[in-house]
Amino acid sequence: MRAITVRDRKTGIDGLALTDLPHPHASENDVIVRVHAAGFTRGELDWPATWTDRAGRDRTPSVPGHEVSGVVAELGFGTTGLTVGQRVFGLTDWARNGSLAEYVAVEARNLAPLPADVDATVAAALPISGLTAWQGLFDHARLTTGQTVLVHGAAGGVGSIAVQLAREVGARVVGTGRSADRDTVLGLGAHGFLDLAADRLEDAGQVDVVFDVIGGDILDRSAALVRAGGTLVTIAQPPTVRPDDGRAVFFVVEPDRARLADLARRVREGRLEVRIGSVRPLAEAAAAFAPEQRVAGRTIIRVCEE
């Protein structure tokens, strides 16, 4: 099969290449997915799991990409709940070969059925962004109706979904970003917007929840904005500055089949917009990792036609 691989950690993005790999093996409780579309995270070449397996052994050449949509092509021993030919989407394991390939082996429990009327490219943009937004807002920060949430990077993949989910439960939402993001963020339902380059972060006032995807100085300064009993939640880095009378949580997204199905249902019903900025073929996936290739919205790789 064809796949995007990387062999040497030192080469970084320059080491990404389209190569031929053996067809993946379906272990117990796995499925083999024929990949229709795949999502990736530009920073994943810095993740230790890209280079070693769970036992710390070198696993190069590695296939990046951890969001997938496609069709079940094969079932591993003991696999239940899915059938050959079924449309699915979800997360691949961090420490195994990923979705930038024509086929990928995935634990069945990490996949959800994909409705026929949800496009494969939309589905491939949903797992990490959608699950991260949901888990950050509701599982970790316990956001509820009437509270105020400050969403950093509100026009991005995670932030744009967080804005919509928070607004839907009746929270007051303030988004942050660059000046060019203002109309997008307000159009997604945010009640207010702060330009991180021109406005004072402190103008957001006291909030119940800060959802951070940026880290660094923005994360540190945000701790002071959390009112008593509130939560600062981040996916960027473990926080070094914590709210005086609140919680600080750093987390990594986890697979959740039931929540994936719920997110897909929201997309079908028009209650959730997934922002896709570019769809590129597998042959261009390596180039899409370059920082200068960033676009407004997610870049999704179309691997095989449905």
C-alpha atoms as a PDB file:
ATOM      1  CA  MET A   1       0.000   0.000   0.000  1.00  0.00           C
ATOM      2  CA  ARG A   2       1.012   3.644  -0.356  1.00  0.00           C
ATOM      3  CA  ALA A   3       1.674   5.631   2.808  1.00  0.00           C
ATOM      4  CA  ILE A   4       3.350   8.775   4.073  1.00  0.00           C
ATOM      5  CA  THR A   5       6.296   7.741   6.245  1.00  0.00           C
ATOM      6  CA  VAL A   6       9.035   9.356   8.284  1.00  0.00           C
ATOM      7  CA  ARG A   7      12.218   7.488   9.193  1.00  0.00           C
ATOM      8  CA  ASP A   8      14.548   9.880  11.013  1.00  0.00           C
ATOM      9  CA  ARG A   9      13.546  12.185  13.848  1.00  0.00           C
ATOM     10  CA  LYS A  10      16.342  14.609  12.951  1.00  0.00           C
ATOM     11  CA  THR A  11      14.955  15.336   9.496  1.00  0.00           C
ATOM     12  CA  GLY A  12      11.505  16.356  10.745  1.00  0.00           C
ATOM     13  CA  ILE A  13       9.104  17.476   8.030  1.00  0.00           C
ATOM     14  CA  ASP A  14      11.834  17.143   5.388  1.00  0.00           C
ATOM     15  CA  GLY A  15      11.908  13.408   6.067  1.00  0.00           C
ATOM     16  CA  LEU A  16       8.258  12.824   5.174  1.00  0.00           C
ATOM     17  CA  ALA A  17       7.847  10.853   1.954  1.00  0.00           C
ATOM     18  CA  LEU A  18       5.280   8.866   0.006  1.00  0.00           C
ATOM     19  CA  THR A  19       6.462   5.244   0.060  1.00  0.00           C
ATOM     20  CA  ASP A  20       5.232   1.660  -0.256  1.00  0.00           C
ATOM     21  CA  LEU A  21       4.578  -0.334   2.910  1.00  0.00           C
ATOM     22  CA  PRO A  22       3.248  -3.845   3.552  1.00  0.00           C
ATOM     23  CA  HIS A  23      -0.487  -4.186   4.146  1.00  0.00           C
ATOM     24  CA  PRO A  24      -1.145  -3.819   7.911  1.00  0.00           C
ATOM     25  CA  HIS A  25      -1.925  -6.821  10.108  1.00  0.00           C
ATOM     26  CA  ALA A  26      -5.164  -6.929  12.088  1.00  0.00           C
ATOM     27  CA  SER A  27      -4.380  -7.898  15.683  1.00  0.00           C
ATOM     28  CA  GLU A  28      -6.987  -9.147  18.124  1.00  0.00           C
ATOM     29  CA  ASN A  29      -9.929  -6.712  18.393  1.00  0.00           C
ATOM     30  CA  ASP A  30      -8.569  -4.667  15.478  1.00  0.00           C
ATOM     31  CA  VAL A  31     -10.143  -3.702  12.206  1.00  0.00           C
ATOM     32  CA  ILE A  32      -8.352  -2.802   8.999  1.00  0.00           C
ATOM     33  CA  VAL A  33      -9.808   0.404   7.565  1.00  0.00           C
ATOM     34  CA  ARG A  34      -9.534   1.321   3.922  1.00  0.00           C
ATOM     35  CA  VAL A  35      -8.849   5.011   4.389  1.00  0.00           C
ATOM     36  CA  HIS A  36     -10.995   7.515   2.527  1.00  0.00           C
ATOM     37  CA  ALA A  37      -9.789  10.633   4.372  1.00  0.00           C
ATOM     38  CA  ALA A  38      -7.293  11.390   7.114  1.00  0.00           C
ATOM     39  CA  GLY A  39      -6.484  14.212   9.501  1.00  0.00           C
ATOM     40  CA  PHE A  40      -3.112  15.049  11.011  1.00  0.00           C
ATOM     41  CA  THR A  41      -1.544  17.361  13.578  1.00  0.00           C
ATOM     42  CA  ARG A  42       1.514  19.307  12.455  1.00  0.00           C
ATOM     43  CA  GLY A  43       3.240  18.925  15.809  1.00  0.00           C
ATOM     44  CA  GLU A  44       3.013  15.152  15.924  1.00  0.00           C
ATOM     45  CA  LEU A  45       6.536  14.689  14.572  1.00  0.00           C
ATOM     46  CA  ASP A  46       7.658  15.963  17.979  1.00  0.00           C
ATOM     47  CA  TRP A  47       5.627  13.367  19.890  1.00  0.00           C
ATOM     48  CA  PRO A  48       7.671  10.479  21.382  1.00  0.00           C
ATOM     49  CA  ALA A  49       4.980   7.974  20.307  1.00  0.00           C
ATOM     50  CA  THR A  50       5.629   8.858  16.665  1.00  0.00           C
ATOM     51  CA  TRP A  51       9.039   7.230  16.984  1.00  0.00           C
ATOM     52  CA  THR A  52       8.686   4.452  19.553  1.00  0.00           C
ATOM     53  CA  ASP A  53       6.042   1.915  20.527  1.00  0.00           C
ATOM     54  CA  ARG A  54       4.561   1.565  24.015  1.00  0.00           C
ATOM     55  CA  ALA A  55       7.571  -0.479  25.114  1.00  0.00           C
ATOM     56  CA  GLY A  56       9.981   2.253  24.005  1.00  0.00           C
ATOM     57  CA  ARG A  57      11.237   0.357  20.954  1.00  0.00           C
ATOM     58  CA  ASP A  58      11.981   2.136  17.691  1.00  0.00           C
ATOM     59  CA  ARG A  59       9.057   1.727  15.291  1.00  0.00           C
ATOM     60  CA  THR A  60      10.249   3.656  12.238  1.00  0.00           C
ATOM     61  CA  PRO A  61       9.343   3.999   9.455  1.00  0.00           C
ATOM     62  CA  SER A  62       6.321   5.623  11.086  1.00  0.00           C
ATOM     63  CA  VAL A  63       3.068   6.661   9.437  1.00  0.00           C
ATOM     64  CA  PRO A  64       1.683   9.902  10.935  1.00  0.00           C
ATOM     65  CA  GLY A  65      -1.944  11.009  11.114  1.00  0.00           C
ATOM     66  CA  HIS A  66      -4.380   9.934  13.837  1.00  0.00           C
ATOM     67  CA  GLU A  67      -7.815  10.815  12.490  1.00  0.00           C
ATOM     68  CA  VAL A  68      -9.441   8.495   9.998  1.00  0.00           C
ATOM     69  CA  SER A  69     -12.619   7.928   8.051  1.00  0.00           C
ATOM     70  CA  GLY A  70     -13.171   5.060   5.688  1.00  0.00           C
ATOM     71  CA  VAL A  71     -14.616   1.575   5.329  1.00  0.00           C
ATOM     72  CA  VAL A  72     -13.931  -1.569   7.343  1.00  0.00           C
ATOM     73  CA  ALA A  73     -11.962  -3.875   5.052  1.00  0.00           C
ATOM     74  CA  GLU A  74     -11.046  -6.665   7.479  1.00  0.00           C
ATOM     75  CA  LEU A  75     -11.803  -7.799  11.025  1.00  0.00           C
ATOM     76  CA  GLY A  76      -9.207  -9.061  13.468  1.00  0.00           C
ATOM     77  CA  PHE A  77      -9.785 -12.070  15.707  1.00  0.00           C
ATOM     78  CA  GLY A  78     -12.445 -11.401  18.335  1.00  0.00           C
ATOM     79  CA  THR A  79     -13.551  -8.090  16.841  1.00  0.00           C
ATOM     80  CA  THR A  80     -17.231  -7.338  17.412  1.00  0.00           C
ATOM     81  CA  GLY A  81     -19.545  -4.374  16.918  1.00  0.00           C
ATOM     82  CA  LEU A  82     -18.414  -3.532  13.374  1.00  0.00           C
ATOM     83  CA  THR A  83     -18.797  -5.299  10.034  1.00  0.00           C
ATOM     84  CA  VAL A  84     -16.826  -5.492   6.796  1.00  0.00           C
ATOM     85  CA  GLY A  85     -17.974  -2.771   4.394  1.00  0.00           C
ATOM     86  CA  GLN A  86     -19.227  -0.476   7.161  1.00  0.00           C
ATOM     87  CA  ARG A  87     -18.362   3.238   7.050  1.00  0.00           C
ATOM     88  CA  VAL A  88     -16.466   4.282  10.192  1.00  0.00           C
ATOM     89  CA  PHE A  89     -14.430   7.134  11.622  1.00  0.00           C
ATOM     90  CA  GLY A  90     -12.348   7.730  14.713  1.00  0.00           C
ATOM     91  CA  LEU A  91      -8.894   7.864  16.277  1.00  0.00           C
ATOM     92  CA  THR A  92      -5.911   5.647  15.594  1.00  0.00           C
ATOM     93  CA  ASP A  93      -3.554   4.670  18.387  1.00  0.00           C
ATOM     94  CA  TRP A  94      -0.834   7.233  19.187  1.00  0.00           C
ATOM     95  CA  ALA A  95       1.922   4.597  19.273  1.00  0.00           C
ATOM     96  CA  ARG A  96       0.989   2.708  16.089  1.00  0.00           C
ATOM     97  CA  ASN A  97       1.071   3.615  12.427  1.00  0.00           C
ATOM     98  CA  GLY A  98      -1.514   6.240  11.596  1.00  0.00           C
ATOM     99  CA  SER A  99      -4.008   7.227   8.943  1.00  0.00           C
ATOM    100  CA  LEU A 100      -1.892   8.791   6.171  1.00  0.00           C
ATOM    101  CA  ALA A 101      -1.975   5.501   4.323  1.00  0.00           C
ATOM    102  CA  GLU A 102      -4.314   3.534   2.109  1.00  0.00           C
ATOM    103  CA  TYR A 103      -5.017   1.095   4.953  1.00  0.00           C
ATOM    104  CA  VAL A 104      -4.627   1.343   8.728  1.00  0.00           C
ATOM    105  CA  ALA A 105      -5.090  -1.064  11.635  1.00  0.00           C
ATOM    106  CA  VAL A 106      -7.214   0.422  14.424  1.00  0.00           C
ATOM    107  CA  GLU A 107      -8.704  -0.930  17.630  1.00  0.00           C
ATOM    108  CA  ALA A 108     -12.404  -1.378  16.932  1.00  0.00           C
ATOM    109  CA  ARG A 109     -13.383   0.403  20.149  1.00  0.00           C
ATOM    110  CA  ASN A 110     -11.739   3.603  18.850  1.00  0.00           C
ATOM    111  CA  LEU A 111     -14.081   3.791  15.855  1.00  0.00           C
ATOM    112  CA  ALA A 112     -17.715   4.800  15.487  1.00  0.00           C
ATOM    113  CA  PRO A 113     -20.159   4.117  12.646  1.00  0.00           C
ATOM    114  CA  LEU A 114     -20.238   6.949  10.115  1.00  0.00           C
ATOM    115  CA  PRO A 115     -23.676   7.900   8.755  1.00  0.00           C
ATOM    116  CA  ALA A 116     -24.036   7.727   4.992  1.00  0.00           C
ATOM    117  CA  ASP A 117     -24.848  11.434   4.721  1.00  0.00           C
ATOM    118  CA  VAL A 118     -21.707  12.689   6.517  1.00  0.00           C
ATOM    119  CA  ASP A 119     -18.855  13.291   4.079  1.00  0.00           C
ATOM    120  CA  ALA A 120     -15.622  11.407   4.719  1.00  0.00           C
ATOM    121  CA  THR A 121     -13.549  14.613   4.751  1.00  0.00           C
ATOM    122  CA  VAL A 122     -15.786  16.144   7.404  1.00  0.00           C
ATOM    123  CA  ALA A 123     -15.588  12.971   9.473  1.00  0.00           C
ATOM    124  CA  ALA A 124     -11.786  12.948   9.306  1.00  0.00           C
ATOM    125  CA  ALA A 125     -11.684  16.466  10.769  1.00  0.00           C
ATOM    126  CA  LEU A 126     -13.923  15.593  13.697  1.00  0.00           C
ATOM    127  CA  PRO A 127     -12.278  13.029  16.040  1.00  0.00           C
ATOM    128  CA  ILE A 128      -9.424  14.957  17.673  1.00  0.00           C
ATOM    129  CA  SER A 129     -11.003  18.399  17.485  1.00  0.00           C
ATOM    130  CA  GLY A 130     -14.478  17.260  18.499  1.00  0.00           C
ATOM    131  CA  LEU A 131     -13.468  14.927  21.309  1.00  0.00           C
ATOM    132  CA  THR A 132     -10.905  17.398  22.656  1.00  0.00           C
ATOM    133  CA  ALA A 133     -13.463  20.201  22.747  1.00  0.00           C
ATOM    134  CA  TRP A 134     -16.082  18.037  24.448  1.00  0.00           C
ATOM    135  CA  GLN A 135     -13.739  16.475  27.008  1.00  0.00           C
ATOM    136  CA  GLY A 136     -12.132  19.807  27.875  1.00  0.00           C
ATOM    137  CA  LEU A 137     -15.401  21.680  28.346  1.00  0.00           C
ATOM    138  CA  PHE A 138     -17.594  19.075  29.968  1.00  0.00           C
ATOM    139  CA  ASP A 139     -15.549  16.162  31.331  1.00  0.00           C
ATOM    140  CA  HIS A 140     -12.731  18.272  32.804  1.00  0.00           C
ATOM    141  CA  ALA A 141     -14.104  21.810  33.268  1.00  0.00           C
ATOM    142  CA  ARG A 142     -17.715  20.724  33.904  1.00  0.00           C
ATOM    143  CA  LEU A 143     -19.095  23.748  32.044  1.00  0.00           C
ATOM    144  CA  THR A 144     -22.807  24.345  32.622  1.00  0.00           C
ATOM    145  CA  THR A 145     -25.590  26.676  31.518  1.00  0.00           C
ATOM    146  CA  GLY A 146     -25.105  30.298  32.564  1.00  0.00           C
ATOM    147  CA  GLN A 147     -21.346  30.091  33.066  1.00  0.00           C
ATOM    148  CA  THR A 148     -18.763  32.068  31.079  1.00  0.00           C
ATOM    149  CA  VAL A 149     -15.981  30.380  29.117  1.00  0.00           C
ATOM    150  CA  LEU A 150     -12.948  31.974  27.465  1.00  0.00           C
ATOM    151  CA  VAL A 151     -11.824  29.919  24.448  1.00  0.00           C
ATOM    152  CA  HIS A 152      -8.318  30.607  23.187  1.00  0.00           C
ATOM    153  CA  GLY A 153      -7.648  29.916  19.510  1.00  0.00           C
ATOM    154  CA  ALA A 154     -11.371  30.035  18.895  1.00  0.00           C
ATOM    155  CA  ALA A 155     -11.128  29.882  15.096  1.00  0.00           C
ATOM    156  CA  GLY A 156      -8.963  26.756  15.094  1.00  0.00           C
ATOM    157  CA  GLY A 157      -9.980  23.126  14.824  1.00  0.00           C
ATOM    158  CA  VAL A 158     -10.541  22.549  18.541  1.00  0.00           C
ATOM    159  CA  GLY A 159     -11.522  26.104  19.435  1.00  0.00           C
ATOM    160  CA  SER A 160     -14.197  26.463  16.757  1.00  0.00           C
ATOM    161  CA  ILE A 161     -15.977  23.336  17.968  1.00  0.00           C
ATOM    162  CA  ALA A 162     -15.582  24.375  21.611  1.00  0.00           C
ATOM    163  CA  VAL A 163     -17.295  27.698  20.850  1.00  0.00           C
ATOM    164  CA  GLN A 164     -20.263  25.939  19.281  1.00  0.00           C
ATOM    165  CA  LEU A 165     -20.646  23.296  21.997  1.00  0.00           C
ATOM    166  CA  ALA A 166     -20.381  25.868  24.787  1.00  0.00           C
ATOM    167  CA  ARG A 167     -22.924  28.138  23.135  1.00  0.00           C
ATOM    168  CA  GLU A 168     -25.328  25.227  22.664  1.00  0.00           C
ATOM    169  CA  VAL A 169     -25.419  24.442  26.405  1.00  0.00           C
ATOM    170  CA  GLY A 170     -26.221  28.054  27.212  1.00  0.00           C
ATOM    171  CA  ALA A 171     -22.819  29.335  28.303  1.00  0.00           C
ATOM    172  CA  ARG A 172     -21.549  32.830  27.566  1.00  0.00           C
ATOM    173  CA  VAL A 173     -18.602  32.449  25.190  1.00  0.00           C
ATOM    174  CA  VAL A 174     -15.669  34.792  24.606  1.00  0.00           C
ATOM    175  CA  GLY A 175     -13.207  33.724  21.906  1.00  0.00           C
ATOM    176  CA  THR A 176      -9.647  34.855  21.279  1.00  0.00           C
ATOM    177  CA  GLY A 177      -7.438  34.839  18.190  1.00  0.00           C
ATOM    178  CA  ARG A 178      -6.029  37.105  15.532  1.00  0.00           C
ATOM    179  CA  SER A 179      -7.916  40.091  14.165  1.00  0.00           C
ATOM    180  CA  ALA A 180      -8.742  38.180  10.981  1.00  0.00           C
ATOM    181  CA  ASP A 181     -10.556  35.577  13.081  1.00  0.00           C
ATOM    182  CA  ARG A 182     -13.093  37.958  14.620  1.00  0.00           C
ATOM    183  CA  ASP A 183     -15.949  37.500  12.130  1.00  0.00           C
ATOM    184  CA  THR A 184     -15.448  33.739  12.022  1.00  0.00           C
ATOM    185  CA  VAL A 185     -15.567  33.357  15.798  1.00  0.00           C
ATOM    186  CA  LEU A 186     -18.587  35.612  16.228  1.00  0.00           C
ATOM    187  CA  GLY A 187     -20.275  33.791  13.353  1.00  0.00           C
ATOM    188  CA  LEU A 188     -19.824  30.509  15.222  1.00  0.00           C
ATOM    189  CA  GLY A 189     -21.849  31.914  18.109  1.00  0.00           C
ATOM    190  CA  ALA A 190     -19.338  33.570  20.436  1.00  0.00           C
ATOM    191  CA  HIS A 191     -20.715  36.520  22.388  1.00  0.00           C
ATOM    192  CA  GLY A 192     -17.409  38.388  22.329  1.00  0.00           C
ATOM    193  CA  PHE A 193     -13.939  38.341  20.813  1.00  0.00           C
ATOM    194  CA  LEU A 194     -10.480  39.455  21.936  1.00  0.00           C
ATOM    195  CA  ASP A 195      -7.647  40.120  19.478  1.00  0.00           C
ATOM    196  CA  LEU A 196      -4.608  38.672  21.258  1.00  0.00           C
ATOM    197  CA  ALA A 197      -2.306  41.076  19.380  1.00  0.00           C
ATOM    198  CA  ALA A 198      -4.255  44.270  20.049  1.00  0.00           C
ATOM    199  CA  ASP A 199      -6.591  43.782  23.036  1.00  0.00           C
ATOM    200  CA  ARG A 200      -5.793  43.259  26.692  1.00  0.00           C
ATOM    201  CA  LEU A 201      -6.419  39.673  27.742  1.00  0.00           C
ATOM    202  CA  GLU A 202      -7.560  40.968  31.102  1.00  0.00           C
ATOM    203  CA  ASP A 203     -10.491  42.710  29.369  1.00  0.00           C
ATOM    204  CA  ALA A 204     -12.179  39.312  29.265  1.00  0.00           C
ATOM    205  CA  GLY A 205     -12.927  39.787  32.943  1.00  0.00           C
ATOM    206  CA  GLN A 206     -13.521  36.917  35.349  1.00  0.00           C
ATOM    207  CA  VAL A 207     -14.680  33.666  33.784  1.00  0.00           C
ATOM    208  CA  ASP A 208     -15.717  30.254  35.042  1.00  0.00           C
ATOM    209  CA  VAL A 209     -13.666  28.312  32.490  1.00  0.00           C
ATOM    210  CA  VAL A 210     -10.622  29.032  30.364  1.00  0.00           C
ATOM    211  CA  PHE A 211     -10.068  26.569  27.507  1.00  0.00           C
ATOM    212  CA  ASP A 212      -6.490  26.972  26.265  1.00  0.00           C
ATOM    213  CA  VAL A 213      -4.864  25.512  23.149  1.00  0.00           C
ATOM    214  CA  ILE A 214      -1.937  27.956  22.950  1.00  0.00           C
ATOM    215  CA  GLY A 215       0.188  27.579  26.086  1.00  0.00           C
ATOM    216  CA  GLY A 216       3.091  29.814  27.075  1.00  0.00           C
ATOM    217  CA  ASP A 217       2.437  33.340  28.294  1.00  0.00           C
ATOM    218  CA  ILE A 218      -1.240  33.228  27.291  1.00  0.00           C
ATOM    219  CA  LEU A 219      -1.760  30.156  29.466  1.00  0.00           C
ATOM    220  CA  ASP A 220       0.092  31.717  32.410  1.00  0.00           C
ATOM    221  CA  ARG A 221      -1.853  34.996  32.252  1.00  0.00           C
ATOM    222  CA  SER A 222      -5.160  33.202  31.898  1.00  0.00           C
ATOM    223  CA  ALA A 223      -4.925  31.704  35.384  1.00  0.00           C
ATOM    224  CA  ALA A 224      -5.732  35.088  36.927  1.00  0.00           C
ATOM    225  CA  LEU A 225      -8.973  35.278  34.942  1.00  0.00           C
ATOM    226  CA  VAL A 226     -10.511  32.182  36.539  1.00  0.00           C
ATOM    227  CA  ARG A 227     -12.984  33.070  39.255  1.00  0.00           C
ATOM    228  CA  ALA A 228     -13.254  31.128  42.508  1.00  0.00           C
ATOM    229  CA  GLY A 229     -14.246  27.533  41.889  1.00  0.00           C
ATOM    230  CA  GLY A 230     -13.514  27.755  38.172  1.00  0.00           C
ATOM    231  CA  THR A 231     -11.227  25.721  35.927  1.00  0.00           C
ATOM    232  CA  LEU A 232      -8.293  26.419  33.635  1.00  0.00           C
ATOM    233  CA  VAL A 233      -8.075  23.554  31.153  1.00  0.00           C
ATOM    234  CA  THR A 234      -5.333  23.228  28.542  1.00  0.00           C
ATOM    235  CA  ILE A 235      -4.086  20.819  25.897  1.00  0.00           C
ATOM    236  CA  ALA A 236      -0.888  22.777  25.223  1.00  0.00           C
ATOM    237  CA  GLN A 237       1.311  21.981  28.226  1.00  0.00           C
ATOM    238  CA  PRO A 238       1.077  21.304  31.967  1.00  0.00           C
ATOM    239  CA  PRO A 239       0.274  24.691  33.547  1.00  0.00           C
ATOM    240  CA  THR A 240       2.903  26.284  35.792  1.00  0.00           C
ATOM    241  CA  VAL A 241       0.594  29.078  37.010  1.00  0.00           C
ATOM    242  CA  ARG A 242      -2.666  28.010  38.601  1.00  0.00           C
ATOM    243  CA  PRO A 243      -5.828  29.876  39.592  1.00  0.00           C
ATOM    244  CA  ASP A 244      -5.747  31.114  43.189  1.00  0.00           C
ATOM    245  CA  ASP A 245      -9.010  29.387  44.065  1.00  0.00           C
ATOM    246  CA  GLY A 246      -9.723  26.993  41.212  1.00  0.00           C
ATOM    247  CA  ARG A 247      -8.439  24.005  39.286  1.00  0.00           C
ATOM    248  CA  ALA A 248      -5.891  23.659  36.496  1.00  0.00           C
ATOM    249  CA  VAL A 249      -6.113  20.638  34.202  1.00  0.00           C
ATOM    250  CA  PHE A 250      -3.836  19.453  31.411  1.00  0.00           C
ATOM    251  CA  PHE A 251      -5.167  16.534  29.381  1.00  0.00           C
ATOM    252  CA  VAL A 252      -4.668  14.472  26.258  1.00  0.00           C
ATOM    253  CA  VAL A 253      -7.747  13.518  24.260  1.00  0.00           C
ATOM    254  CA  GLU A 254      -9.041   9.956  24.649  1.00  0.00           C
ATOM    255  CA  PRO A 255     -11.069   7.834  22.217  1.00  0.00           C
ATOM    256  CA  ASP A 256     -14.808   7.675  22.907  1.00  0.00           C
ATOM    257  CA  ARG A 257     -17.058   5.789  20.468  1.00  0.00           C
ATOM    258  CA  ALA A 258     -20.326   7.030  21.970  1.00  0.00           C
ATOM    259  CA  ARG A 259     -19.239  10.667  21.885  1.00  0.00           C
ATOM    260  CA  LEU A 260     -18.020  10.349  18.299  1.00  0.00           C
ATOM    261  CA  ALA A 261     -21.469   9.107  17.323  1.00  0.00           C
ATOM    262  CA  ASP A 262     -23.030  12.053  19.131  1.00  0.00           C
ATOM    263  CA  LEU A 263     -20.760  14.526  17.333  1.00  0.00           C
ATOM    264  CA  ALA A 264     -21.580  12.985  13.963  1.00  0.00           C
ATOM    265  CA  ARG A 265     -25.285  13.318  14.781  1.00  0.00           C
ATOM    266  CA  ARG A 266     -24.805  17.009  15.535  1.00  0.00           C
ATOM    267  CA  VAL A 267     -23.108  17.458  12.154  1.00  0.00           C
ATOM    268  CA  ARG A 268     -25.973  15.690  10.381  1.00  0.00           C
ATOM    269  CA  GLU A 269     -28.534  17.888  12.116  1.00  0.00           C
ATOM    270  CA  GLY A 270     -26.689  21.092  11.240  1.00  0.00           C
ATOM    271  CA  ARG A 271     -25.931  21.859  14.882  1.00  0.00           C
ATOM    272  CA  LEU A 272     -22.160  21.610  14.479  1.00  0.00           C
ATOM    273  CA  GLU A 273     -19.970  23.131  11.765  1.00  0.00           C
ATOM    274  CA  VAL A 274     -16.590  21.555  11.052  1.00  0.00           C
ATOM    275  CA  ARG A 275     -14.247  24.084   9.436  1.00  0.00           C
ATOM    276  CA  ILE A 276     -12.238  22.539   6.584  1.00  0.00           C
ATOM    277  CA  GLY A 277      -9.856  24.851   4.789  1.00  0.00           C
ATOM    278  CA  SER A 278      -8.170  22.499   2.335  1.00  0.00           C
ATOM    279  CA  VAL A 279      -8.496  18.951   1.001  1.00  0.00           C
ATOM    280  CA  ARG A 280      -5.347  17.521  -0.586  1.00  0.00           C
ATOM    281  CA  PRO A 281      -4.398  14.150  -2.093  1.00  0.00           C
ATOM    282  CA  LEU A 282      -2.127  11.695  -0.295  1.00  0.00           C
ATOM    283  CA  ALA A 283       0.752  12.588  -2.613  1.00  0.00           C
ATOM    284  CA  GLU A 284       0.692  16.143  -1.202  1.00  0.00           C
ATOM    285  CA  ALA A 285       0.389  15.185   2.459  1.00  0.00           C
ATOM    286  CA  ALA A 286       4.082  15.661   3.234  1.00  0.00           C
ATOM    287  CA  ALA A 287       4.003  19.211   1.855  1.00  0.00           C
ATOM    288  CA  ALA A 288       0.851  19.957   3.863  1.00  0.00           C
ATOM    289  CA  PHE A 289       2.823  19.637   7.129  1.00  0.00           C
ATOM    290  CA  ALA A 290       4.888  22.755   6.336  1.00  0.00           C
ATOM    291  CA  PRO A 291       4.021  25.810   8.495  1.00  0.00           C
ATOM    292  CA  GLU A 292       3.594  28.010   5.415  1.00  0.00           C
ATOM    293  CA  GLN A 293       0.816  25.675   4.230  1.00  0.00           C
ATOM    294  CA  ARG A 294      -1.528  26.631   7.081  1.00  0.00           C
ATOM    295  CA  VAL A 295      -5.014  27.611   5.998  1.00  0.00           C
ATOM    296  CA  ALA A 296      -8.144  28.862   7.754  1.00  0.00           C
ATOM    297  CA  GLY A 297      -9.689  25.586   8.854  1.00  0.00           C
ATOM    298  CA  ARG A 298      -8.400  22.030   8.955  1.00  0.00           C
ATOM    299  CA  THR A 299      -6.330  20.497   6.163  1.00  0.00           C
ATOM    300  CA  ILE A 300      -7.642  17.031   5.358  1.00  0.00           C
ATOM    301  CA  ILE A 301      -5.968  14.415   3.186  1.00  0.00           C
ATOM    302  CA  ARG A 302      -8.142  12.574   0.694  1.00  0.00           C
ATOM    303  CA  VAL A 303      -6.573   9.112   0.453  1.00  0.00           C
ATOM    304  CA  CYS A 304      -9.017   6.972  -1.543  1.00  0.00           C
ATOM    305  CA  GLU A 305     -12.255   7.923  -3.235  1.00  0.00           C
ATOM    306  CA  GLU A 306     -15.439   6.553  -1.693  1.00  0.00           C
END
